[in-house]
mmCIF file of all heavy atoms, coordinates in Angstrom:
data_MODEL
# 
_entry.id   MODEL 
# 
loop_
_atom_site.group_PDB 
_atom_site.id 
_atom_site.type_symbol 
_atom_site.label_atom_id 
_atom_site.label_alt_id 
_atom_site.label_comp_id 
_atom_site.label_asym_id 
_atom_site.label_entity_id 
_atom_site.label_seq_id 
_atom_site.pdbx_PDB_ins_code 
_atom_site.Cartn_x 
_atom_site.Cartn_y 
_atom_site.Cartn_z 
_atom_site.occupancy 
_atom_site.B_iso_or_equiv 
_atom_site.pdbx_formal_charge 
_atom_site.auth_seq_id 
_atom_site.auth_comp_id 
_atom_site.auth_asym_id 
_atom_site.auth_atom_id 
_atom_site.pdbx_PDB_model_num 
ATOM 1   N N   . ASN A 1 1  ? 205.796 80.031  95.057  1.00 0.00 ? 1  ASN A N   1 
ATOM 2   C CA  . ASN A 1 1  ? 205.755 79.842  96.504  1.00 0.00 ? 1  ASN A CA  1 
ATOM 3   C C   . ASN A 1 1  ? 205.840 81.147  97.272  1.00 0.00 ? 1  ASN A C   1 
ATOM 4   O O   . ASN A 1 1  ? 205.330 81.232  98.394  1.00 0.00 ? 1  ASN A O   1 
ATOM 5   C CB  . ASN A 1 1  ? 206.859 78.855  96.916  1.00 0.00 ? 1  ASN A CB  1 
ATOM 6   C CG  . ASN A 1 1  ? 206.485 77.439  96.536  1.00 0.00 ? 1  ASN A CG  1 
ATOM 7   O OD1 . ASN A 1 1  ? 205.492 76.906  97.004  1.00 0.00 ? 1  ASN A OD1 1 
ATOM 8   N ND2 . ASN A 1 1  ? 207.275 76.821  95.661  1.00 0.00 ? 1  ASN A ND2 1 
ATOM 9   N N   . VAL A 1 2  ? 206.446 82.168  96.702  1.00 0.00 ? 2  VAL A N   1 
ATOM 10  C CA  . VAL A 1 2  ? 206.376 83.493  97.324  1.00 0.00 ? 2  VAL A CA  1 
ATOM 11  C C   . VAL A 1 2  ? 204.921 83.969  97.335  1.00 0.00 ? 2  VAL A C   1 
ATOM 12  O O   . VAL A 1 2  ? 204.436 84.489  98.338  1.00 0.00 ? 2  VAL A O   1 
ATOM 13  C CB  . VAL A 1 2  ? 207.288 84.502  96.592  1.00 0.00 ? 2  VAL A CB  1 
ATOM 14  C CG1 . VAL A 1 2  ? 206.928 85.941  96.969  1.00 0.00 ? 2  VAL A CG1 1 
ATOM 15  C CG2 . VAL A 1 2  ? 208.751 84.231  96.939  1.00 0.00 ? 2  VAL A CG2 1 
ATOM 16  N N   . VAL A 1 3  ? 204.209 83.768  96.230  1.00 0.00 ? 3  VAL A N   1 
ATOM 17  C CA  . VAL A 1 3  ? 202.797 84.146  96.181  1.00 0.00 ? 3  VAL A CA  1 
ATOM 18  C C   . VAL A 1 3  ? 201.998 83.365  97.220  1.00 0.00 ? 3  VAL A C   1 
ATOM 19  O O   . VAL A 1 3  ? 201.160 83.921  97.939  1.00 0.00 ? 3  VAL A O   1 
ATOM 20  C CB  . VAL A 1 3  ? 202.225 83.919  94.767  1.00 0.00 ? 3  VAL A CB  1 
ATOM 21  C CG1 . VAL A 1 3  ? 200.703 84.078  94.772  1.00 0.00 ? 3  VAL A CG1 1 
ATOM 22  C CG2 . VAL A 1 3  ? 202.853 84.892  93.773  1.00 0.00 ? 3  VAL A CG2 1 
ATOM 23  N N   . ARG A 1 4  ? 202.257 82.068  97.321  1.00 0.00 ? 4  ARG A N   1 
ATOM 24  C CA  . ARG A 1 4  ? 201.547 81.256  98.317  1.00 0.00 ? 4  ARG A CA  1 
ATOM 25  C C   . ARG A 1 4  ? 201.839 81.735  99.729  1.00 0.00 ? 4  ARG A C   1 
ATOM 26  O O   . ARG A 1 4  ? 200.940 81.815  100.574 1.00 0.00 ? 4  ARG A O   1 
ATOM 27  C CB  . ARG A 1 4  ? 201.939 79.782  98.174  1.00 0.00 ? 4  ARG A CB  1 
ATOM 28  C CG  . ARG A 1 4  ? 201.435 79.098  96.907  1.00 0.00 ? 4  ARG A CG  1 
ATOM 29  C CD  . ARG A 1 4  ? 201.712 77.619  96.937  1.00 0.00 ? 4  ARG A CD  1 
ATOM 30  N NE  . ARG A 1 4  ? 200.958 76.974  98.010  1.00 0.00 ? 4  ARG A NE  1 
ATOM 31  C CZ  . ARG A 1 4  ? 201.201 75.738  98.450  1.00 0.00 ? 4  ARG A CZ  1 
ATOM 32  N NH1 . ARG A 1 4  ? 202.195 75.034  97.939  1.00 0.00 ? 4  ARG A NH1 1 
ATOM 33  N NH2 . ARG A 1 4  ? 200.471 75.217  99.405  1.00 0.00 ? 4  ARG A NH2 1 
ATOM 34  N N   . ALA A 1 5  ? 203.102 82.041  100.000 1.00 0.00 ? 5  ALA A N   1 
ATOM 35  C CA  . ALA A 1 5  ? 203.474 82.513  101.340 1.00 0.00 ? 5  ALA A CA  1 
ATOM 36  C C   . ALA A 1 5  ? 202.814 83.846  101.651 1.00 0.00 ? 5  ALA A C   1 
ATOM 37  O O   . ALA A 1 5  ? 202.348 84.072  102.774 1.00 0.00 ? 5  ALA A O   1 
ATOM 38  C CB  . ALA A 1 5  ? 204.996 82.624  101.440 1.00 0.00 ? 5  ALA A CB  1 
ATOM 39  N N   . LEU A 1 6  ? 202.760 84.727  100.676 1.00 0.00 ? 6  LEU A N   1 
ATOM 40  C CA  . LEU A 1 6  ? 202.107 86.018  100.882 1.00 0.00 ? 6  LEU A CA  1 
ATOM 41  C C   . LEU A 1 6  ? 200.623 85.842  101.188 1.00 0.00 ? 6  LEU A C   1 
ATOM 42  O O   . LEU A 1 6  ? 200.064 86.508  102.065 1.00 0.00 ? 6  LEU A O   1 
ATOM 43  C CB  . LEU A 1 6  ? 202.284 86.895  99.644  1.00 0.00 ? 6  LEU A CB  1 
ATOM 44  C CG  . LEU A 1 6  ? 203.695 87.443  99.405  1.00 0.00 ? 6  LEU A CG  1 
ATOM 45  C CD1 . LEU A 1 6  ? 203.831 87.986  97.986  1.00 0.00 ? 6  LEU A CD1 1 
ATOM 46  C CD2 . LEU A 1 6  ? 204.050 88.513  100.419 1.00 0.00 ? 6  LEU A CD2 1 
ATOM 47  N N   . ASN A 1 7  ? 199.975 84.929  100.477 1.00 0.00 ? 7  ASN A N   1 
ATOM 48  C CA  . ASN A 1 7  ? 198.556 84.679  100.721 1.00 0.00 ? 7  ASN A CA  1 
ATOM 49  C C   . ASN A 1 7  ? 198.328 84.133  102.125 1.00 0.00 ? 7  ASN A C   1 
ATOM 50  O O   . ASN A 1 7  ? 197.368 84.515  102.807 1.00 0.00 ? 7  ASN A O   1 
ATOM 51  C CB  . ASN A 1 7  ? 198.009 83.715  99.672  1.00 0.00 ? 7  ASN A CB  1 
ATOM 52  C CG  . ASN A 1 7  ? 197.913 84.340  98.296  1.00 0.00 ? 7  ASN A CG  1 
ATOM 53  O OD1 . ASN A 1 7  ? 197.859 85.564  98.166  1.00 0.00 ? 7  ASN A OD1 1 
ATOM 54  N ND2 . ASN A 1 7  ? 197.908 83.523  97.257  1.00 0.00 ? 7  ASN A ND2 1 
ATOM 55  N N   . LEU A 1 8  ? 199.196 83.251  102.576 1.00 0.00 ? 8  LEU A N   1 
ATOM 56  C CA  . LEU A 1 8  ? 199.081 82.708  103.933 1.00 0.00 ? 8  LEU A CA  1 
ATOM 57  C C   . LEU A 1 8  ? 199.324 83.801  104.972 1.00 0.00 ? 8  LEU A C   1 
ATOM 58  O O   . LEU A 1 8  ? 198.585 83.926  105.948 1.00 0.00 ? 8  LEU A O   1 
ATOM 59  C CB  . LEU A 1 8  ? 200.080 81.567  104.126 1.00 0.00 ? 8  LEU A CB  1 
ATOM 60  C CG  . LEU A 1 8  ? 199.766 80.246  103.425 1.00 0.00 ? 8  LEU A CG  1 
ATOM 61  C CD1 . LEU A 1 8  ? 200.959 79.301  103.538 1.00 0.00 ? 8  LEU A CD1 1 
ATOM 62  C CD2 . LEU A 1 8  ? 198.523 79.599  104.047 1.00 0.00 ? 8  LEU A CD2 1 
ATOM 63  N N   . LEU A 1 9  ? 200.354 84.581  104.743 1.00 0.00 ? 9  LEU A N   1 
ATOM 64  C CA  . LEU A 1 9  ? 200.723 85.621  105.696 1.00 0.00 ? 9  LEU A CA  1 
ATOM 65  C C   . LEU A 1 9  ? 199.658 86.712  105.779 1.00 0.00 ? 9  LEU A C   1 
ATOM 66  O O   . LEU A 1 9  ? 199.461 87.320  106.839 1.00 0.00 ? 9  LEU A O   1 
ATOM 67  C CB  . LEU A 1 9  ? 202.077 86.212  105.295 1.00 0.00 ? 9  LEU A CB  1 
ATOM 68  C CG  . LEU A 1 9  ? 202.696 87.279  106.187 1.00 0.00 ? 9  LEU A CG  1 
ATOM 69  C CD1 . LEU A 1 9  ? 202.807 86.809  107.633 1.00 0.00 ? 9  LEU A CD1 1 
ATOM 70  C CD2 . LEU A 1 9  ? 204.065 87.673  105.638 1.00 0.00 ? 9  LEU A CD2 1 
ATOM 71  N N   . SER A 1 10 ? 198.959 86.940  104.685 1.00 0.00 ? 10 SER A N   1 
ATOM 72  C CA  . SER A 1 10 ? 197.953 88.006  104.663 1.00 0.00 ? 10 SER A CA  1 
ATOM 73  C C   . SER A 1 10 ? 196.809 87.756  105.645 1.00 0.00 ? 10 SER A C   1 
ATOM 74  O O   . SER A 1 10 ? 196.093 88.683  106.013 1.00 0.00 ? 10 SER A O   1 
ATOM 75  C CB  . SER A 1 10 ? 197.390 88.174  103.248 1.00 0.00 ? 10 SER A CB  1 
ATOM 76  O OG  . SER A 1 10 ? 196.612 87.046  102.876 1.00 0.00 ? 10 SER A OG  1 
ATOM 77  N N   . THR A 1 11 ? 196.638 86.516  106.085 1.00 0.00 ? 11 THR A N   1 
ATOM 78  C CA  . THR A 1 11 ? 195.556 86.196  107.029 1.00 0.00 ? 11 THR A CA  1 
ATOM 79  C C   . THR A 1 11 ? 195.942 86.482  108.472 1.00 0.00 ? 11 THR A C   1 
ATOM 80  O O   . THR A 1 11 ? 195.094 86.405  109.363 1.00 0.00 ? 11 THR A O   1 
ATOM 81  C CB  . THR A 1 11 ? 195.146 84.720  106.907 1.00 0.00 ? 11 THR A CB  1 
ATOM 82  O OG1 . THR A 1 11 ? 196.249 83.879  107.302 1.00 0.00 ? 11 THR A OG1 1 
ATOM 83  C CG2 . THR A 1 11 ? 194.755 84.373  105.474 1.00 0.00 ? 11 THR A CG2 1 
ATOM 84  N N   . ALA A 1 12 ? 197.202 86.797  108.734 1.00 0.00 ? 12 ALA A N   1 
ATOM 85  C CA  . ALA A 1 12 ? 197.635 87.115  110.100 1.00 0.00 ? 12 ALA A CA  1 
ATOM 86  C C   . ALA A 1 12 ? 196.953 88.385  110.570 1.00 0.00 ? 12 ALA A C   1 
ATOM 87  O O   . ALA A 1 12 ? 196.691 89.299  109.786 1.00 0.00 ? 12 ALA A O   1 
ATOM 88  C CB  . ALA A 1 12 ? 199.152 87.269  110.163 1.00 0.00 ? 12 ALA A CB  1 
ATOM 89  N N   . THR A 1 13 ? 196.668 88.460  111.838 1.00 0.00 ? 13 THR A N   1 
ATOM 90  C CA  . THR A 1 13 ? 195.933 89.601  112.391 1.00 0.00 ? 13 THR A CA  1 
ATOM 91  C C   . THR A 1 13 ? 196.849 90.746  112.825 1.00 0.00 ? 13 THR A C   1 
ATOM 92  O O   . THR A 1 13 ? 196.366 91.771  113.291 1.00 0.00 ? 13 THR A O   1 
ATOM 93  C CB  . THR A 1 13 ? 195.084 89.159  113.592 1.00 0.00 ? 13 THR A CB  1 
ATOM 94  O OG1 . THR A 1 13 ? 195.954 88.576  114.585 1.00 0.00 ? 13 THR A OG1 1 
ATOM 95  C CG2 . THR A 1 13 ? 194.050 88.121  113.174 1.00 0.00 ? 13 THR A CG2 1 
ATOM 96  N N   . ASP A 1 14 ? 198.148 90.575  112.694 1.00 0.00 ? 14 ASP A N   1 
ATOM 97  C CA  . ASP A 1 14 ? 199.094 91.609  113.125 1.00 0.00 ? 14 ASP A CA  1 
ATOM 98  C C   . ASP A 1 14 ? 198.920 92.884  112.304 1.00 0.00 ? 14 ASP A C   1 
ATOM 99  O O   . ASP A 1 14 ? 198.486 92.849  111.141 1.00 0.00 ? 14 ASP A O   1 
ATOM 100 C CB  . ASP A 1 14 ? 200.526 91.099  112.981 1.00 0.00 ? 14 ASP A CB  1 
ATOM 101 C CG  . ASP A 1 14 ? 200.754 89.845  113.794 1.00 0.00 ? 14 ASP A CG  1 
ATOM 102 O OD1 . ASP A 1 14 ? 200.321 88.767  113.334 1.00 0.00 ? 14 ASP A OD1 1 
ATOM 103 O OD2 . ASP A 1 14 ? 201.322 89.938  114.889 1.00 0.00 ? 14 ASP A OD2 1 
ATOM 104 N N   . GLU A 1 15 ? 199.294 94.003  112.900 1.00 0.00 ? 15 GLU A N   1 
ATOM 105 C CA  . GLU A 1 15 ? 199.123 95.288  112.225 1.00 0.00 ? 15 GLU A CA  1 
ATOM 106 C C   . GLU A 1 15 ? 199.980 95.386  110.975 1.00 0.00 ? 15 GLU A C   1 
ATOM 107 O O   . GLU A 1 15 ? 199.585 95.980  109.972 1.00 0.00 ? 15 GLU A O   1 
ATOM 108 C CB  . GLU A 1 15 ? 199.457 96.429  113.190 1.00 0.00 ? 15 GLU A CB  1 
ATOM 109 C CG  . GLU A 1 15 ? 199.141 97.801  112.631 1.00 0.00 ? 15 GLU A CG  1 
ATOM 110 C CD  . GLU A 1 15 ? 199.224 98.888  113.684 1.00 0.00 ? 15 GLU A CD  1 
ATOM 111 O OE1 . GLU A 1 15 ? 199.400 98.562  114.881 1.00 0.00 ? 15 GLU A OE1 1 
ATOM 112 O OE2 . GLU A 1 15 ? 199.106 100.065 113.320 1.00 0.00 ? 15 GLU A OE2 1 
ATOM 113 N N   . HIS A 1 16 ? 201.176 94.801  111.008 1.00 0.00 ? 16 HIS A N   1 
ATOM 114 C CA  . HIS A 1 16 ? 202.067 94.816  109.859 1.00 0.00 ? 16 HIS A CA  1 
ATOM 115 C C   . HIS A 1 16 ? 202.584 93.405  109.618 1.00 0.00 ? 16 HIS A C   1 
ATOM 116 O O   . HIS A 1 16 ? 202.616 92.578  110.529 1.00 0.00 ? 16 HIS A O   1 
ATOM 117 C CB  . HIS A 1 16 ? 203.236 95.774  110.092 1.00 0.00 ? 16 HIS A CB  1 
ATOM 118 C CG  . HIS A 1 16 ? 202.809 97.180  110.367 1.00 0.00 ? 16 HIS A CG  1 
ATOM 119 N ND1 . HIS A 1 16 ? 202.197 97.978  109.435 1.00 0.00 ? 16 HIS A ND1 1 
ATOM 120 C CD2 . HIS A 1 16 ? 202.884 97.925  111.502 1.00 0.00 ? 16 HIS A CD2 1 
ATOM 121 C CE1 . HIS A 1 16 ? 201.921 99.147  109.963 1.00 0.00 ? 16 HIS A CE1 1 
ATOM 122 N NE2 . HIS A 1 16 ? 202.322 99.146  111.213 1.00 0.00 ? 16 HIS A NE2 1 
ATOM 123 N N   . LYS A 1 17 ? 203.017 93.164  108.368 1.00 0.00 ? 17 LYS A N   1 
ATOM 124 C CA  . LYS A 1 17 ? 203.472 91.827  107.994 1.00 0.00 ? 17 LYS A CA  1 
ATOM 125 C C   . LYS A 1 17 ? 204.698 91.925  107.086 1.00 0.00 ? 17 LYS A C   1 
ATOM 126 O O   . LYS A 1 17 ? 204.785 92.823  106.245 1.00 0.00 ? 17 LYS A O   1 
ATOM 127 C CB  . LYS A 1 17 ? 202.350 91.071  107.262 1.00 0.00 ? 17 LYS A CB  1 
ATOM 128 C CG  . LYS A 1 17 ? 201.044 91.011  108.041 1.00 0.00 ? 17 LYS A CG  1 
ATOM 129 C CD  . LYS A 1 17 ? 199.922 90.431  107.191 1.00 0.00 ? 17 LYS A CD  1 
ATOM 130 C CE  . LYS A 1 17 ? 198.591 90.470  107.923 1.00 0.00 ? 17 LYS A CE  1 
ATOM 131 N NZ  . LYS A 1 17 ? 198.070 91.848  108.088 1.00 0.00 ? 17 LYS A NZ  1 
ATOM 132 N N   . VAL A 1 18 ? 205.619 90.992  107.283 1.00 0.00 ? 18 VAL A N   1 
ATOM 133 C CA  . VAL A 1 18 ? 206.849 90.943  106.497 1.00 0.00 ? 18 VAL A CA  1 
ATOM 134 C C   . VAL A 1 18 ? 207.097 89.501  106.084 1.00 0.00 ? 18 VAL A C   1 
ATOM 135 O O   . VAL A 1 18 ? 207.007 88.585  106.904 1.00 0.00 ? 18 VAL A O   1 
ATOM 136 C CB  . VAL A 1 18 ? 208.055 91.454  107.321 1.00 0.00 ? 18 VAL A CB  1 
ATOM 137 C CG1 . VAL A 1 18 ? 209.374 91.119  106.627 1.00 0.00 ? 18 VAL A CG1 1 
ATOM 138 C CG2 . VAL A 1 18 ? 207.950 92.950  107.561 1.00 0.00 ? 18 VAL A CG2 1 
ATOM 139 N N   . LEU A 1 19 ? 207.399 89.306  104.800 1.00 0.00 ? 19 LEU A N   1 
ATOM 140 C CA  . LEU A 1 19 ? 207.849 88.000  104.316 1.00 0.00 ? 19 LEU A CA  1 
ATOM 141 C C   . LEU A 1 19 ? 209.352 88.075  104.136 1.00 0.00 ? 19 LEU A C   1 
ATOM 142 O O   . LEU A 1 19 ? 209.854 88.933  103.411 1.00 0.00 ? 19 LEU A O   1 
ATOM 143 C CB  . LEU A 1 19 ? 207.182 87.651  102.985 1.00 0.00 ? 19 LEU A CB  1 
ATOM 144 C CG  . LEU A 1 19 ? 207.626 86.327  102.350 1.00 0.00 ? 19 LEU A CG  1 
ATOM 145 C CD1 . LEU A 1 19 ? 207.254 85.140  103.238 1.00 0.00 ? 19 LEU A CD1 1 
ATOM 146 C CD2 . LEU A 1 19 ? 207.045 86.164  100.956 1.00 0.00 ? 19 LEU A CD2 1 
ATOM 147 N N   . MET A 1 20 ? 210.091 87.193  104.809 1.00 0.00 ? 20 MET A N   1 
ATOM 148 C CA  . MET A 1 20 ? 211.544 87.182  104.728 1.00 0.00 ? 20 MET A CA  1 
ATOM 149 C C   . MET A 1 20 ? 211.971 85.924  103.973 1.00 0.00 ? 20 MET A C   1 
ATOM 150 O O   . MET A 1 20 ? 211.834 84.811  104.477 1.00 0.00 ? 20 MET A O   1 
ATOM 151 C CB  . MET A 1 20 ? 212.167 87.232  106.124 1.00 0.00 ? 20 MET A CB  1 
ATOM 152 C CG  . MET A 1 20 ? 213.659 87.479  106.118 1.00 0.00 ? 20 MET A CG  1 
ATOM 153 S SD  . MET A 1 20 ? 214.336 87.800  107.784 1.00 0.00 ? 20 MET A SD  1 
ATOM 154 C CE  . MET A 1 20 ? 213.707 89.448  108.109 1.00 0.00 ? 20 MET A CE  1 
ATOM 155 N N   . VAL A 1 21 ? 212.479 86.105  102.757 1.00 0.00 ? 21 VAL A N   1 
ATOM 156 C CA  . VAL A 1 21 ? 212.841 84.999  101.872 1.00 0.00 ? 21 VAL A CA  1 
ATOM 157 C C   . VAL A 1 21 ? 214.337 84.755  101.933 1.00 0.00 ? 21 VAL A C   1 
ATOM 158 O O   . VAL A 1 21 ? 215.134 85.668  101.685 1.00 0.00 ? 21 VAL A O   1 
ATOM 159 C CB  . VAL A 1 21 ? 212.425 85.296  100.417 1.00 0.00 ? 21 VAL A CB  1 
ATOM 160 C CG1 . VAL A 1 21 ? 212.741 84.107  99.516  1.00 0.00 ? 21 VAL A CG1 1 
ATOM 161 C CG2 . VAL A 1 21 ? 210.936 85.644  100.337 1.00 0.00 ? 21 VAL A CG2 1 
ATOM 162 N N   . LEU A 1 22 ? 214.736 83.524  102.242 1.00 0.00 ? 22 LEU A N   1 
ATOM 163 C CA  . LEU A 1 22 ? 216.144 83.139  102.294 1.00 0.00 ? 22 LEU A CA  1 
ATOM 164 C C   . LEU A 1 22 ? 216.389 82.184  101.133 1.00 0.00 ? 22 LEU A C   1 
ATOM 165 O O   . LEU A 1 22 ? 215.905 81.054  101.125 1.00 0.00 ? 22 LEU A O   1 
ATOM 166 C CB  . LEU A 1 22 ? 216.480 82.456  103.620 1.00 0.00 ? 22 LEU A CB  1 
ATOM 167 C CG  . LEU A 1 22 ? 216.390 83.308  104.896 1.00 0.00 ? 22 LEU A CG  1 
ATOM 168 C CD1 . LEU A 1 22 ? 214.947 83.460  105.362 1.00 0.00 ? 22 LEU A CD1 1 
ATOM 169 C CD2 . LEU A 1 22 ? 217.206 82.674  106.036 1.00 0.00 ? 22 LEU A CD2 1 
ATOM 170 N N   . SER A 1 23 ? 217.171 82.627  100.138 1.00 0.00 ? 23 SER A N   1 
ATOM 171 C CA  . SER A 1 23 ? 217.288 81.852  98.899  1.00 0.00 ? 23 SER A CA  1 
ATOM 172 C C   . SER A 1 23 ? 218.522 82.286  98.132  1.00 0.00 ? 23 SER A C   1 
ATOM 173 O O   . SER A 1 23 ? 219.195 83.260  98.486  1.00 0.00 ? 23 SER A O   1 
ATOM 174 C CB  . SER A 1 23 ? 216.017 82.083  98.050  1.00 0.00 ? 23 SER A CB  1 
ATOM 175 O OG  . SER A 1 23 ? 216.108 81.454  96.790  1.00 0.00 ? 23 SER A OG  1 
ATOM 176 N N   . ASP A 1 24 ? 218.812 81.547  97.034  1.00 0.00 ? 24 ASP A N   1 
ATOM 177 C CA  . ASP A 1 24 ? 219.861 81.986  96.113  1.00 0.00 ? 24 ASP A CA  1 
ATOM 178 C C   . ASP A 1 24 ? 219.271 82.778  94.948  1.00 0.00 ? 24 ASP A C   1 
ATOM 179 O O   . ASP A 1 24 ? 219.998 83.262  94.086  1.00 0.00 ? 24 ASP A O   1 
ATOM 180 C CB  . ASP A 1 24 ? 220.681 80.805  95.591  1.00 0.00 ? 24 ASP A CB  1 
ATOM 181 C CG  . ASP A 1 24 ? 219.833 79.746  94.896  1.00 0.00 ? 24 ASP A CG  1 
ATOM 182 O OD1 . ASP A 1 24 ? 218.688 80.044  94.509  1.00 0.00 ? 24 ASP A OD1 1 
ATOM 183 O OD2 . ASP A 1 24 ? 220.319 78.612  94.739  1.00 0.00 ? 24 ASP A OD2 1 
ATOM 184 N N   . GLY A 1 25 ? 217.947 82.896  94.922  1.00 0.00 ? 25 GLY A N   1 
ATOM 185 C CA  . GLY A 1 25 ? 217.290 83.705  93.905  1.00 0.00 ? 25 GLY A CA  1 
ATOM 186 C C   . GLY A 1 25 ? 217.096 83.033  92.569  1.00 0.00 ? 25 GLY A C   1 
ATOM 187 O O   . GLY A 1 25 ? 216.497 83.609  91.662  1.00 0.00 ? 25 GLY A O   1 
ATOM 188 N N   . LEU A 1 26 ? 217.589 81.811  92.420  1.00 0.00 ? 26 LEU A N   1 
ATOM 189 C CA  . LEU A 1 26 ? 217.437 81.103  91.144  1.00 0.00 ? 26 LEU A CA  1 
ATOM 190 C C   . LEU A 1 26 ? 216.046 80.487  91.081  1.00 0.00 ? 26 LEU A C   1 
ATOM 191 O O   . LEU A 1 26 ? 215.644 79.770  91.990  1.00 0.00 ? 26 LEU A O   1 
ATOM 192 C CB  . LEU A 1 26 ? 218.515 80.033  90.999  1.00 0.00 ? 26 LEU A CB  1 
ATOM 193 C CG  . LEU A 1 26 ? 219.952 80.560  91.028  1.00 0.00 ? 26 LEU A CG  1 
ATOM 194 C CD1 . LEU A 1 26 ? 220.946 79.412  90.997  1.00 0.00 ? 26 LEU A CD1 1 
ATOM 195 C CD2 . LEU A 1 26 ? 220.201 81.506  89.850  1.00 0.00 ? 26 LEU A CD2 1 
ATOM 196 N N   . ALA A 1 27 ? 215.320 80.765  90.013  1.00 0.00 ? 27 ALA A N   1 
ATOM 197 C CA  . ALA A 1 27 ? 213.929 80.314  89.892  1.00 0.00 ? 27 ALA A CA  1 
ATOM 198 C C   . ALA A 1 27 ? 213.758 79.457  88.645  1.00 0.00 ? 27 ALA A C   1 
ATOM 199 O O   . ALA A 1 27 ? 214.378 79.720  87.608  1.00 0.00 ? 27 ALA A O   1 
ATOM 200 C CB  . ALA A 1 27 ? 212.994 81.516  89.835  1.00 0.00 ? 27 ALA A CB  1 
ATOM 201 N N   . GLU A 1 28 ? 212.907 78.447  88.777  1.00 0.00 ? 28 GLU A N   1 
ATOM 202 C CA  . GLU A 1 28 ? 212.601 77.571  87.645  1.00 0.00 ? 28 GLU A CA  1 
ATOM 203 C C   . GLU A 1 28 ? 211.113 77.581  87.320  1.00 0.00 ? 28 GLU A C   1 
ATOM 204 O O   . GLU A 1 28 ? 210.598 76.662  86.695  1.00 0.00 ? 28 GLU A O   1 
ATOM 205 C CB  . GLU A 1 28 ? 213.064 76.146  87.953  1.00 0.00 ? 28 GLU A CB  1 
ATOM 206 C CG  . GLU A 1 28 ? 214.555 76.050  88.180  1.00 0.00 ? 28 GLU A CG  1 
ATOM 207 C CD  . GLU A 1 28 ? 214.991 74.672  88.662  1.00 0.00 ? 28 GLU A CD  1 
ATOM 208 O OE1 . GLU A 1 28 ? 214.741 74.351  89.839  1.00 0.00 ? 28 GLU A OE1 1 
ATOM 209 O OE2 . GLU A 1 28 ? 215.562 73.936  87.848  1.00 0.00 ? 28 GLU A OE2 1 
ATOM 210 N N   . ASP A 1 29 ? 210.430 78.650  87.736  1.00 0.00 ? 29 ASP A N   1 
ATOM 211 C CA  . ASP A 1 29 ? 209.000 78.770  87.445  1.00 0.00 ? 29 ASP A CA  1 
ATOM 212 C C   . ASP A 1 29 ? 208.775 78.872  85.936  1.00 0.00 ? 29 ASP A C   1 
ATOM 213 O O   . ASP A 1 29 ? 209.575 79.450  85.210  1.00 0.00 ? 29 ASP A O   1 
ATOM 214 C CB  . ASP A 1 29 ? 208.425 80.024  88.100  1.00 0.00 ? 29 ASP A CB  1 
ATOM 215 C CG  . ASP A 1 29 ? 208.522 79.999  89.615  1.00 0.00 ? 29 ASP A CG  1 
ATOM 216 O OD1 . ASP A 1 29 ? 209.610 80.280  90.152  1.00 0.00 ? 29 ASP A OD1 1 
ATOM 217 O OD2 . ASP A 1 29 ? 207.514 79.690  90.256  1.00 0.00 ? 29 ASP A OD2 1 
# 
């Protein structure tokens, strides 16, 4: 989902982009 969010965010027209993830960091991928 971080990859998905990055792909979505990459389409924004802003000069710079930041993904801010709020999590406990535990992954089950």
